[in-house]
Amino acid sequence: MDKELQNALAWYAAAPKRLVNSGMQSLEATAEWIWVVLQGDFAEDQSTAQIAVGTVISMIPVVDQICDVRDICANCKKIKEDDSNVWAWVGLIITLIGLFPVLGSLFKGIFKILFKMVQKRIYKLAAKAGEKIDFYQIISPQIEIGIAEVKKHIANPKVQKVLKSMNITNVYKEIALNLRTVKGQLNTKNLLKPFDDRIKDLQQLLEYVNRWGGAEMVAKTNALMRDVKEVRSKAAKMGDFITPVQNMLERTARRFDIEADNAFRATVDRNNFTRMNKPGEPAEIASIKSNKPDWVDRTRRIPYEAEEAVNVVSKKGFPDLNPTVKEGEYHPLKKAYATFAKDGIKSATIKEGEVLYRVVDPTSADNSICWMRKAEFDKLKSKSDWRRKFAVWANWNSNGEYVTYTVPKGGLNVWEGPAASQELKNLNGYVLEGGGKQIVLDPKDLNAAYVSQRMPTNWGYDSGLNTGQGANLVGIPTLTNNWR
């Protein structure tokens, strides 16, 4: 048997005992071996470690082609079971995308690691054409697993060496770029080219089986090739699913945008650049007393009294506004009820496709609890409007930027109501009015793929206080996502 083929087959399955006993000379057993390898599906695929090693070191000859062929066989098997199953066609498209020449060997390997768990999930799904499906939303848990595996892969010293040789300083940014490049090239013609190439590879492998195997094996290989060619004859159907797969690729690229921004922030922090200079509470109090800004009212009247814990109700499937927290333990929703005006909290389910807004400064987290609807955001014409209506002290948030969140399929359960007025403990008689209709949600219910890039509010980055200090942005990445 050809030594390269023998090595490649060994990558996937141990040689049959009778082949070993024959000194690797039994041609019939070799045919059986090839057949067993080609029958693998996504539930029995290479381990991530195998894919990763194959990407880093000089790959065992023929391994990659056999991997591609067996994936396509698994896809065709699924389509043959039910060619009206949308997910079966999507699985084939994902396999073929991974063969696009534009990816190159490094990113082809990363792509396979990323979508390994996705393929396993898709292999078990079924849906009919015409059903409204958010592909990304359904497979996002597997995408997250894939991203974690990609991170492990990238941390490999051998991969780091490859990245350095390619002068890649932020690999996540490059992954996002490659995903968008593939998205732009995604059409039926570009899918058929690798499909036809791998059918030729399959034909060659099956010729070995037919040459060395018995009549029963020949019947099996003929049936397999017939099934694959039948799927190929219907391959124009892939065109029906180009747009949703493109959307899935864009969402996945967006996730890597977030990873790229976080990696950049980590580099900034590691280099110990100056942090953004937000005023502390004492400085804010002193400034307000000496030169009160127009968003602060001097009054003893509290327009929107804060809600009290005793009035907080819980609702199944909605965030807990009064979670039980151990002493010293952090929870983003601890006493979140107190950010609402008394008797104003209402449950709401934000519908799919609606866009929420969040005002942030460069050091704020994208995925925090306080948001608003577009109608509320559009009412804000200045920093003063925002601080007044949403009762935000300068030492809490310096502003300057905002992010949006497009609610995916399934909606988003939140609490909504007027923001409570705010006082500082050491500043009696000075009040932020509140009353803006705010949304409080649980950050764990957010999916990073649906968060926008940061955009400027055009209100400036300074606090707006007369402290004698402007916004110190030295070393601070602006318009850069911060997902925690």
Protein backbone atom coordinates (compact mmCIF):
# COMPACT_ATOMS: atom_id res chain seq x y z
CA MET A 1 0.00 0.00 0.00
CA ASP A 2 1.13 3.55 -0.73
CA LYS A 3 2.99 4.78 2.37
CA GLU A 4 1.41 8.26 2.28
CA LEU A 5 -2.07 6.79 2.12
CA GLN A 6 -1.23 4.37 4.94
CA ASN A 7 -0.07 7.25 7.16
CA ALA A 8 -3.13 9.30 6.35
CA LEU A 9 -5.55 6.49 7.15
CA ALA A 10 -3.78 5.88 10.45
CA TRP A 11 -4.61 9.45 11.41
CA TYR A 12 -8.31 8.53 11.54
CA ALA A 13 -8.57 4.87 12.45
CA ALA A 14 -6.33 2.01 13.50
CA ALA A 15 -5.53 -0.50 10.80
CA PRO A 16 -7.68 -3.65 10.82
CA LYS A 17 -6.08 -6.49 12.78
CA ARG A 18 -5.88 -8.74 9.76
CA LEU A 19 -4.04 -6.02 7.84
CA VAL A 20 -1.49 -5.68 10.64
CA ASN A 21 -1.12 -9.46 10.81
CA SER A 22 -0.42 -9.52 7.09
CA GLY A 23 2.46 -7.10 7.51
CA MET A 24 0.32 -4.33 6.03
CA GLN A 25 0.14 -6.27 2.77
CA SER A 26 -3.50 -7.45 2.66
CA LEU A 27 -5.12 -5.39 -0.09
CA GLU A 28 -8.62 -6.50 0.85
CA ALA A 29 -8.05 -5.33 4.43
CA THR A 30 -6.66 -2.07 3.07
CA ALA A 31 -9.87 -1.54 1.12
CA GLU A 32 -11.82 -2.18 4.31
CA TRP A 33 -9.66 0.37 6.14
CA ILE A 34 -10.28 3.09 3.56
CA TRP A 35 -13.99 2.36 3.67
CA VAL A 36 -14.17 2.59 7.48
CA VAL A 37 -12.37 5.95 7.44
CA LEU A 38 -14.71 7.36 4.80
CA GLN A 39 -17.75 6.36 6.87
CA GLY A 40 -16.83 8.70 9.72
CA ASP A 41 -19.32 11.45 10.48
CA PHE A 42 -19.16 14.62 12.54
CA ALA A 43 -19.81 12.67 15.72
CA GLU A 44 -16.61 10.67 15.15
CA ASP A 45 -14.42 13.34 13.65
CA GLN A 46 -10.82 14.27 14.40
CA SER A 47 -10.18 15.67 17.83
CA THR A 48 -9.44 19.37 18.03
CA ALA A 49 -5.91 18.43 19.01
CA GLN A 50 -5.49 16.44 15.80
CA ILE A 51 -6.74 19.33 13.68
CA ALA A 52 -4.55 21.78 15.59
CA VAL A 53 -1.41 19.68 15.26
CA GLY A 54 -2.10 19.23 11.58
CA THR A 55 -2.35 22.98 11.19
CA VAL A 56 0.86 23.80 13.02
CA ILE A 57 3.34 21.19 11.84
CA SER A 58 3.96 19.79 8.38
CA MET A 59 0.77 17.85 7.87
CA ILE A 60 0.86 14.13 7.17
CA PRO A 61 0.45 13.83 3.39
CA VAL A 62 -3.11 13.17 2.17
CA VAL A 63 -4.62 13.63 5.68
CA ASP A 64 -6.22 16.93 4.76
CA GLN A 65 -7.82 15.62 1.59
CA ILE A 66 -9.24 12.57 3.37
CA CYS A 67 -10.64 14.83 6.10
CA ASP A 68 -12.40 16.96 3.49
CA VAL A 69 -13.70 13.94 1.59
CA ARG A 70 -15.12 12.25 4.68
CA ASP A 71 -16.80 15.51 5.75
CA ILE A 72 -18.44 15.85 2.35
CA CYS A 73 -19.53 12.20 2.48
CA ALA A 74 -21.14 12.86 5.88
CA ASN A 75 -22.89 15.96 4.51
CA CYS A 76 -24.17 14.09 1.47
CA LYS A 77 -25.36 11.22 3.66
CA LYS A 78 -27.41 13.69 5.70
CA ILE A 79 -28.85 15.36 2.60
CA LYS A 80 -29.70 11.95 1.13
CA GLU A 81 -31.76 11.18 4.26
CA ASP A 82 -33.86 14.32 3.69
CA ASP A 83 -32.95 16.78 0.96
CA SER A 84 -35.55 19.24 2.28
CA ASN A 85 -33.60 19.64 5.54
CA VAL A 86 -32.16 23.15 5.45
CA TRP A 87 -29.50 22.32 8.04
CA ALA A 88 -28.14 19.46 5.94
CA TRP A 89 -27.42 21.90 3.10
CA VAL A 90 -25.97 24.48 5.49
CA GLY A 91 -23.61 21.81 6.82
CA LEU A 92 -22.37 21.10 3.30
CA ILE A 93 -21.88 24.81 2.63
CA ILE A 94 -19.80 25.20 5.80
CA THR A 95 -17.64 22.24 4.79
CA LEU A 96 -17.08 23.69 1.32
CA ILE A 97 -16.36 27.18 2.64
CA GLY A 98 -13.47 25.68 4.58
CA LEU A 99 -11.93 24.65 1.26
CA PHE A 100 -11.86 28.15 -0.26
CA PRO A 101 -8.27 28.82 -1.44
CA VAL A 102 -8.38 32.37 -0.07
CA LEU A 103 -8.12 31.04 3.49
CA GLY A 104 -4.62 29.61 3.16
CA SER A 105 -3.38 26.75 5.34
CA LEU A 106 -3.22 28.68 8.65
CA PHE A 107 -6.74 30.07 8.51
CA LYS A 108 -8.15 26.93 6.94
CA GLY A 109 -6.98 25.07 10.05
CA ILE A 110 -8.43 27.75 12.33
CA PHE A 111 -11.69 27.62 10.39
CA LYS A 112 -11.91 23.85 10.91
CA ILE A 113 -11.29 24.17 14.64
CA LEU A 114 -13.86 26.95 14.91
CA PHE A 115 -16.63 25.08 13.11
CA LYS A 116 -15.89 21.55 14.33
CA MET A 117 -18.51 21.70 17.10
CA VAL A 118 -20.88 23.60 14.81
CA GLN A 119 -20.83 20.75 12.32
CA LYS A 120 -21.58 18.24 15.07
CA ARG A 121 -24.57 20.33 16.15
CA ILE A 122 -25.82 20.87 12.59
CA TYR A 123 -25.61 17.13 11.92
CA LYS A 124 -28.37 16.63 14.52
CA LEU A 125 -30.66 19.48 13.43
CA ALA A 126 -33.59 19.52 11.04
CA ALA A 127 -35.65 22.35 9.56
CA LYS A 128 -37.70 22.82 6.41
CA ALA A 129 -37.28 25.54 3.80
CA GLY A 130 -39.43 28.56 4.58
CA GLU A 131 -38.98 28.32 8.33
CA LYS A 132 -37.65 31.52 9.86
CA ILE A 133 -34.30 30.51 11.31
CA ASP A 134 -31.61 32.57 13.00
CA PHE A 135 -28.74 30.25 12.14
CA TYR A 136 -26.23 32.02 14.34
CA GLN A 137 -28.50 32.16 17.36
CA ILE A 138 -29.05 28.40 17.23
CA ILE A 139 -25.39 27.49 16.89
CA SER A 140 -23.91 30.31 18.99
CA PRO A 141 -23.12 28.00 21.95
CA GLN A 142 -21.01 25.87 19.62
CA ILE A 143 -19.40 29.00 18.14
CA GLU A 144 -18.36 30.02 21.66
CA ILE A 145 -16.84 26.58 22.24
CA GLY A 146 -15.07 26.91 18.91
CA ILE A 147 -13.68 30.33 19.83
CA ALA A 148 -12.34 28.89 23.10
CA GLU A 149 -10.63 26.10 21.15
CA VAL A 150 -9.20 28.60 18.66
CA LYS A 151 -7.72 30.56 21.57
CA LYS A 152 -6.02 27.43 22.88
CA HIS A 153 -4.71 26.72 19.41
CA ILE A 154 -3.38 30.25 18.97
CA ALA A 155 -1.59 30.02 22.33
CA ASN A 156 0.48 27.11 21.00
CA PRO A 157 4.12 28.29 20.72
CA LYS A 158 4.35 26.79 17.25
CA VAL A 159 1.34 28.80 16.11
CA GLN A 160 2.79 31.90 17.71
CA LYS A 161 5.95 31.32 15.69
CA VAL A 162 3.91 31.06 12.48
CA LEU A 163 2.00 34.24 13.32
CA LYS A 164 5.24 36.08 13.98
CA SER A 165 6.67 34.92 10.66
CA MET A 166 3.53 36.24 8.95
CA ASN A 167 3.81 39.55 10.85
CA ILE A 168 0.34 39.07 12.35
CA THR A 169 0.04 41.05 15.60
CA ASN A 170 -3.69 40.62 16.21
CA VAL A 171 -4.78 37.23 14.90
CA TYR A 172 -8.42 37.77 15.91
CA LYS A 173 -8.60 40.77 13.61
CA GLU A 174 -7.21 38.64 10.79
CA ILE A 175 -9.71 35.86 11.49
CA ALA A 176 -12.57 38.38 11.24
CA LEU A 177 -11.08 39.69 7.99
CA ASN A 178 -10.84 36.18 6.53
CA LEU A 179 -14.40 35.35 7.54
CA ARG A 180 -15.64 38.49 5.78
CA THR A 181 -13.53 37.70 2.72
CA VAL A 182 -15.12 34.26 2.51
CA LYS A 183 -18.54 35.82 3.07
CA GLY A 184 -17.93 38.13 0.10
CA GLN A 185 -16.93 35.21 -2.14
CA LEU A 186 -19.81 32.98 -1.10
CA ASN A 187 -21.83 31.97 -4.15
CA THR A 188 -22.87 28.71 -5.77
CA LYS A 189 -20.08 28.79 -8.37
CA ASN A 190 -17.36 29.14 -5.74
CA LEU A 191 -18.92 26.33 -3.69
CA LEU A 192 -19.08 23.91 -6.62
CA LYS A 193 -15.37 24.15 -7.45
CA PRO A 194 -14.11 22.56 -4.18
CA PHE A 195 -17.10 20.18 -4.23
CA ASP A 196 -16.06 18.85 -7.64
CA ASP A 197 -12.39 18.68 -6.63
CA ARG A 198 -13.18 16.56 -3.57
CA ILE A 199 -15.50 14.31 -5.57
CA LYS A 200 -12.47 13.55 -7.76
CA ASP A 201 -10.47 12.73 -4.61
CA LEU A 202 -13.29 10.47 -3.43
CA GLN A 203 -13.35 8.76 -6.81
CA GLN A 204 -9.62 8.05 -6.51
CA LEU A 205 -9.96 6.63 -2.99
CA LEU A 206 -12.86 4.45 -4.02
CA GLU A 207 -10.86 3.13 -6.94
CA TYR A 208 -8.43 1.69 -4.36
CA VAL A 209 -11.37 0.09 -2.57
CA ASN A 210 -12.83 -1.33 -5.78
CA ARG A 211 -9.45 -2.63 -6.91
CA TRP A 212 -8.64 -4.36 -3.62
CA GLY A 213 -12.04 -5.12 -2.12
CA GLY A 214 -14.55 -7.83 -2.92
CA ALA A 215 -17.82 -7.58 -4.79
CA GLU A 216 -19.72 -6.58 -1.65
CA MET A 217 -17.35 -3.66 -1.08
CA VAL A 218 -17.67 -2.56 -4.71
CA ALA A 219 -21.45 -2.45 -4.33
CA LYS A 220 -21.07 -0.22 -1.27
CA THR A 221 -18.67 2.19 -2.96
CA ASN A 222 -20.88 2.44 -6.02
CA ALA A 223 -23.83 3.31 -3.78
CA LEU A 224 -21.78 5.97 -1.97
CA MET A 225 -20.59 7.57 -5.20
CA ARG A 226 -24.11 7.47 -6.57
CA ASP A 227 -25.42 9.27 -3.47
CA VAL A 228 -22.69 11.93 -3.63
CA LYS A 229 -23.30 12.55 -7.33
CA GLU A 230 -27.04 12.77 -6.71
CA VAL A 231 -26.43 15.50 -4.13
CA ARG A 232 -24.06 17.20 -6.58
CA SER A 233 -26.84 17.21 -9.20
CA LYS A 234 -29.04 19.12 -6.74
CA ALA A 235 -26.26 21.43 -5.55
CA ALA A 236 -27.92 24.51 -7.04
CA LYS A 237 -30.16 24.35 -3.95
CA MET A 238 -27.20 25.68 -1.96
CA GLY A 239 -27.97 29.06 -3.49
CA ASP A 240 -31.14 29.23 -1.39
CA PHE A 241 -29.08 29.33 1.79
CA ILE A 242 -26.26 31.71 0.80
CA THR A 243 -27.75 34.76 2.53
CA PRO A 244 -28.39 33.13 5.94
CA VAL A 245 -24.93 31.57 5.91
CA GLN A 246 -23.43 34.95 5.04
CA ASN A 247 -25.26 36.42 8.01
CA MET A 248 -23.87 33.64 10.20
CA LEU A 249 -20.34 34.38 8.94
CA GLU A 250 -20.80 38.10 9.63
CA ARG A 251 -22.00 37.41 13.18
CA THR A 252 -19.04 35.12 13.73
CA ALA A 253 -16.70 37.78 12.34
CA ARG A 254 -18.31 40.26 14.72
CA ARG A 255 -17.46 37.97 17.63
CA PHE A 256 -13.84 38.03 16.51
CA ASP A 257 -14.00 41.84 16.25
CA ILE A 258 -14.82 41.79 19.96
CA GLU A 259 -11.93 39.40 20.65
CA ALA A 260 -9.62 41.62 18.60
CA ASP A 261 -10.63 44.72 20.58
CA ASN A 262 -10.24 42.90 23.88
CA ALA A 263 -6.81 41.66 22.82
CA PHE A 264 -5.84 45.23 21.94
CA ARG A 265 -7.04 46.47 25.32
CA ALA A 266 -5.04 43.74 27.03
CA THR A 267 -1.94 44.91 25.17
CA VAL A 268 -2.57 48.50 26.25
CA ASP A 269 -2.99 47.44 29.87
CA ARG A 270 0.09 45.23 29.73
CA ASN A 271 2.14 48.16 28.52
CA ASN A 272 0.87 50.13 31.53
CA PHE A 273 -0.43 53.17 29.70
CA THR A 274 -2.16 55.88 31.70
CA ARG A 275 -5.77 55.06 32.55
CA MET A 276 -8.56 57.43 31.60
CA ASN A 277 -8.70 60.23 34.13
CA LYS A 278 -12.30 60.30 35.38
CA PRO A 279 -13.05 62.69 38.25
CA GLY A 280 -13.45 61.07 41.64
CA GLU A 281 -16.50 61.79 43.77
CA PRO A 282 -14.73 64.45 45.93
CA ALA A 283 -13.57 66.31 42.80
CA GLU A 284 -17.06 66.15 41.33
CA ILE A 285 -18.62 67.48 44.55
CA ALA A 286 -16.12 70.33 44.73
CA SER A 287 -16.74 71.24 41.09
CA ILE A 288 -20.54 71.21 41.48
CA LYS A 289 -20.38 73.42 44.56
CA SER A 290 -18.15 75.96 42.84
CA ASN A 291 -19.73 75.91 39.39
CA LYS A 292 -22.93 73.88 39.16
CA PRO A 293 -23.44 72.30 35.70
CA ASP A 294 -26.85 72.63 34.07
CA TRP A 295 -27.74 68.96 34.49
CA VAL A 296 -27.66 69.21 38.30
CA ASP A 297 -30.56 70.79 40.20
CA ARG A 298 -30.19 72.45 43.57
CA THR A 299 -33.32 71.34 45.38
CA ARG A 300 -34.63 69.40 48.35
CA ARG A 301 -37.30 67.79 46.18
CA ILE A 302 -36.64 64.33 44.76
CA PRO A 303 -38.65 64.02 41.53
CA TYR A 304 -38.28 60.25 41.22
CA GLU A 305 -37.84 58.48 44.54
CA ALA A 306 -35.87 55.22 44.25
CA GLU A 307 -37.63 51.88 44.45
CA GLU A 308 -37.29 49.92 47.69
CA ALA A 309 -36.32 46.26 48.06
CA VAL A 310 -39.58 45.40 49.78
CA ASN A 311 -41.52 46.27 46.60
CA VAL A 312 -39.39 44.24 44.20
CA VAL A 313 -41.19 41.33 42.57
CA SER A 314 -39.60 38.42 40.76
CA LYS A 315 -40.79 36.93 37.49
CA LYS A 316 -39.74 33.64 35.96
CA GLY A 317 -37.40 34.11 33.03
CA PHE A 318 -36.58 37.72 33.93
CA PRO A 319 -33.45 39.15 35.61
CA ASP A 320 -33.33 39.10 39.41
CA LEU A 321 -33.18 42.75 40.50
CA ASN A 322 -32.39 41.77 44.08
CA PRO A 323 -30.07 38.74 43.92
CA THR A 324 -28.79 37.17 47.11
CA VAL A 325 -25.10 37.97 47.22
CA LYS A 326 -22.53 36.85 49.76
CA GLU A 327 -20.70 39.59 51.62
CA GLY A 328 -17.89 40.96 49.48
CA GLU A 329 -19.17 39.17 46.38
CA TYR A 330 -19.91 41.13 43.20
CA HIS A 331 -23.07 40.77 41.14
CA PRO A 332 -23.94 43.30 38.38
CA LEU A 333 -27.61 43.33 39.41
CA LYS A 334 -27.05 43.81 43.14
CA LYS A 335 -29.60 46.46 44.25
CA ALA A 336 -30.40 47.19 40.59
CA TYR A 337 -33.98 47.86 41.64
CA ALA A 338 -32.78 51.10 43.27
CA THR A 339 -31.87 52.54 39.86
CA PHE A 340 -35.62 52.68 39.06
CA ALA A 341 -38.20 55.18 40.25
CA LYS A 342 -40.67 53.92 42.83
CA ASP A 343 -43.63 51.96 41.42
CA GLY A 344 -42.26 52.35 37.91
CA ILE A 345 -40.65 48.98 37.17
CA LYS A 346 -42.37 46.97 34.45
CA SER A 347 -41.35 43.69 32.83
CA ALA A 348 -40.87 43.77 29.07
CA THR A 349 -39.79 41.36 26.37
CA ILE A 350 -37.84 43.17 23.68
CA LYS A 351 -38.71 41.70 20.30
CA GLU A 352 -36.28 40.22 17.81
CA GLY A 353 -34.66 42.88 15.64
CA GLU A 354 -35.17 45.82 18.01
CA VAL A 355 -32.01 47.81 18.71
CA LEU A 356 -31.05 48.87 22.24
CA TYR A 357 -28.56 51.63 23.06
CA ARG A 358 -25.97 52.06 25.79
CA VAL A 359 -23.85 55.18 26.46
CA VAL A 360 -20.31 54.33 27.59
CA ASP A 361 -16.87 55.80 28.08
CA PRO A 362 -13.73 54.11 26.72
CA THR A 363 -13.23 52.14 29.94
CA SER A 364 -16.86 51.03 30.37
CA ALA A 365 -18.02 47.50 29.61
CA ASP A 366 -20.23 46.93 26.59
CA ASN A 367 -22.10 44.17 28.41
CA SER A 368 -23.44 45.89 31.50
CA ILE A 369 -26.94 46.28 32.92
CA CYS A 370 -28.19 49.73 31.81
CA TRP A 371 -29.62 50.29 28.32
CA MET A 372 -32.39 52.23 26.59
CA ARG A 373 -34.57 51.99 23.51
CA LYS A 374 -33.78 53.96 20.35
CA ALA A 375 -36.63 56.42 21.00
CA GLU A 376 -35.04 57.42 24.31
CA PHE A 377 -31.57 57.66 22.82
CA ASP A 378 -32.81 59.89 19.99
CA LYS A 379 -34.17 62.36 22.55
CA LEU A 380 -30.66 62.94 23.91
CA LYS A 381 -29.08 65.93 22.19
CA SER A 382 -26.19 66.48 24.58
CA LYS A 383 -24.17 65.17 27.48
CA SER A 384 -26.31 67.33 29.73
CA ASP A 385 -29.52 65.63 28.52
CA TRP A 386 -28.08 62.19 29.21
CA ARG A 387 -26.74 62.98 32.69
CA ARG A 388 -29.99 64.69 33.70
CA LYS A 389 -32.57 62.23 32.35
CA PHE A 390 -30.68 59.05 33.21
CA ALA A 391 -29.15 60.40 36.43
CA VAL A 392 -25.51 59.55 35.74
CA TRP A 393 -22.82 61.24 37.86
CA ALA A 394 -19.56 62.09 36.11
CA ASN A 395 -17.52 59.88 38.43
CA TRP A 396 -19.62 56.91 37.29
CA ASN A 397 -19.31 57.29 33.53
CA SER A 398 -17.43 59.87 31.46
CA ASN A 399 -19.41 59.07 28.26
CA GLY A 400 -18.19 59.86 24.73
CA GLU A 401 -19.25 56.65 23.01
CA TYR A 402 -22.20 54.31 22.61
CA VAL A 403 -22.90 50.75 21.53
CA THR A 404 -26.05 49.11 20.25
CA TYR A 405 -27.45 45.63 20.69
CA THR A 406 -29.71 44.03 18.09
CA VAL A 407 -31.98 41.59 19.86
CA PRO A 408 -31.74 38.13 18.27
CA LYS A 409 -34.47 35.57 17.74
CA GLY A 410 -36.25 34.63 20.95
CA GLY A 411 -36.39 38.17 22.28
CA LEU A 412 -34.86 39.53 25.47
CA ASN A 413 -36.54 39.70 28.88
CA VAL A 414 -35.78 42.95 30.71
CA TRP A 415 -37.11 45.39 33.28
CA GLU A 416 -38.07 48.87 32.09
CA GLY A 417 -39.14 52.09 33.73
CA PRO A 418 -38.14 55.65 34.70
CA ALA A 419 -34.67 56.10 36.14
CA ALA A 420 -34.62 57.15 39.79
CA SER A 421 -33.29 60.56 40.79
CA GLN A 422 -29.80 60.47 42.26
CA GLU A 423 -28.11 62.25 45.15
CA LEU A 424 -24.55 61.98 46.38
CA LYS A 425 -24.27 61.20 50.09
CA ASN A 426 -21.92 64.10 50.69
CA LEU A 427 -23.79 66.55 48.49
CA ASN A 428 -27.17 67.17 50.07
CA GLY A 429 -29.49 69.42 48.11
CA TYR A 430 -28.00 68.66 44.69
CA VAL A 431 -29.99 66.24 42.54
CA LEU A 432 -29.88 64.55 39.15
CA GLU A 433 -33.49 64.54 38.00
CA GLY A 434 -33.85 61.11 36.34
CA GLY A 435 -37.09 60.04 34.67
CA GLY A 436 -35.57 58.77 31.44
CA LYS A 437 -37.04 55.42 30.47
CA GLN A 438 -34.24 52.95 31.17
CA ILE A 439 -33.84 49.23 30.61
CA VAL A 440 -32.05 46.95 33.05
CA LEU A 441 -31.04 43.50 31.86
CA ASP A 442 -28.80 40.65 32.90
CA PRO A 443 -25.49 40.85 30.99
CA LYS A 444 -25.32 37.07 30.76
CA ASP A 445 -28.39 37.21 28.49
CA LEU A 446 -26.43 39.19 25.88
CA ASN A 447 -24.65 37.61 22.92
CA ALA A 448 -21.49 39.43 21.84
CA ALA A 449 -22.15 38.74 18.16
CA TYR A 450 -25.12 41.12 18.26
CA VAL A 451 -23.24 44.07 19.78
CA SER A 452 -22.23 46.83 17.39
CA GLN A 453 -18.88 48.48 17.05
CA ARG A 454 -18.55 51.51 19.29
CA MET A 455 -19.59 54.86 17.86
CA PRO A 456 -19.00 58.44 19.06
CA THR A 457 -21.78 60.35 20.81
CA ASN A 458 -20.08 63.55 19.59
CA TRP A 459 -20.55 64.96 23.10
CA GLY A 460 -16.83 64.83 23.83
CA TYR A 461 -14.99 62.60 26.28
CA ASP A 462 -14.59 65.12 29.09
CA SER A 463 -16.76 64.97 32.19
CA GLY A 464 -18.23 68.41 31.56
CA LEU A 465 -17.21 69.51 35.05
CA ASN A 466 -15.10 72.52 35.87
CA THR A 467 -12.30 70.50 37.48
CA GLY A 468 -9.40 71.99 35.56
CA GLN A 469 -8.75 68.60 33.98
CA GLY A 470 -9.70 67.51 30.49
CA ALA A 471 -10.15 63.92 29.39
CA ASN A 472 -6.78 62.14 29.50
CA LEU A 473 -6.97 59.56 26.74
CA VAL A 474 -3.26 58.72 26.59
CA GLY A 475 -3.00 54.99 25.94
CA ILE A 476 -6.76 54.54 26.12
CA PRO A 477 -8.28 52.78 23.08
CA THR A 478 -11.28 54.75 21.84
CA LEU A 479 -14.17 53.36 19.79
CA THR A 480 -12.93 49.91 20.80
CA ASN A 481 -15.30 47.28 22.16
CA ASN A 482 -14.87 46.16 25.76
CA TRP A 483 -16.66 42.86 26.36
CA ARG A 484 -16.10 41.45 29.83
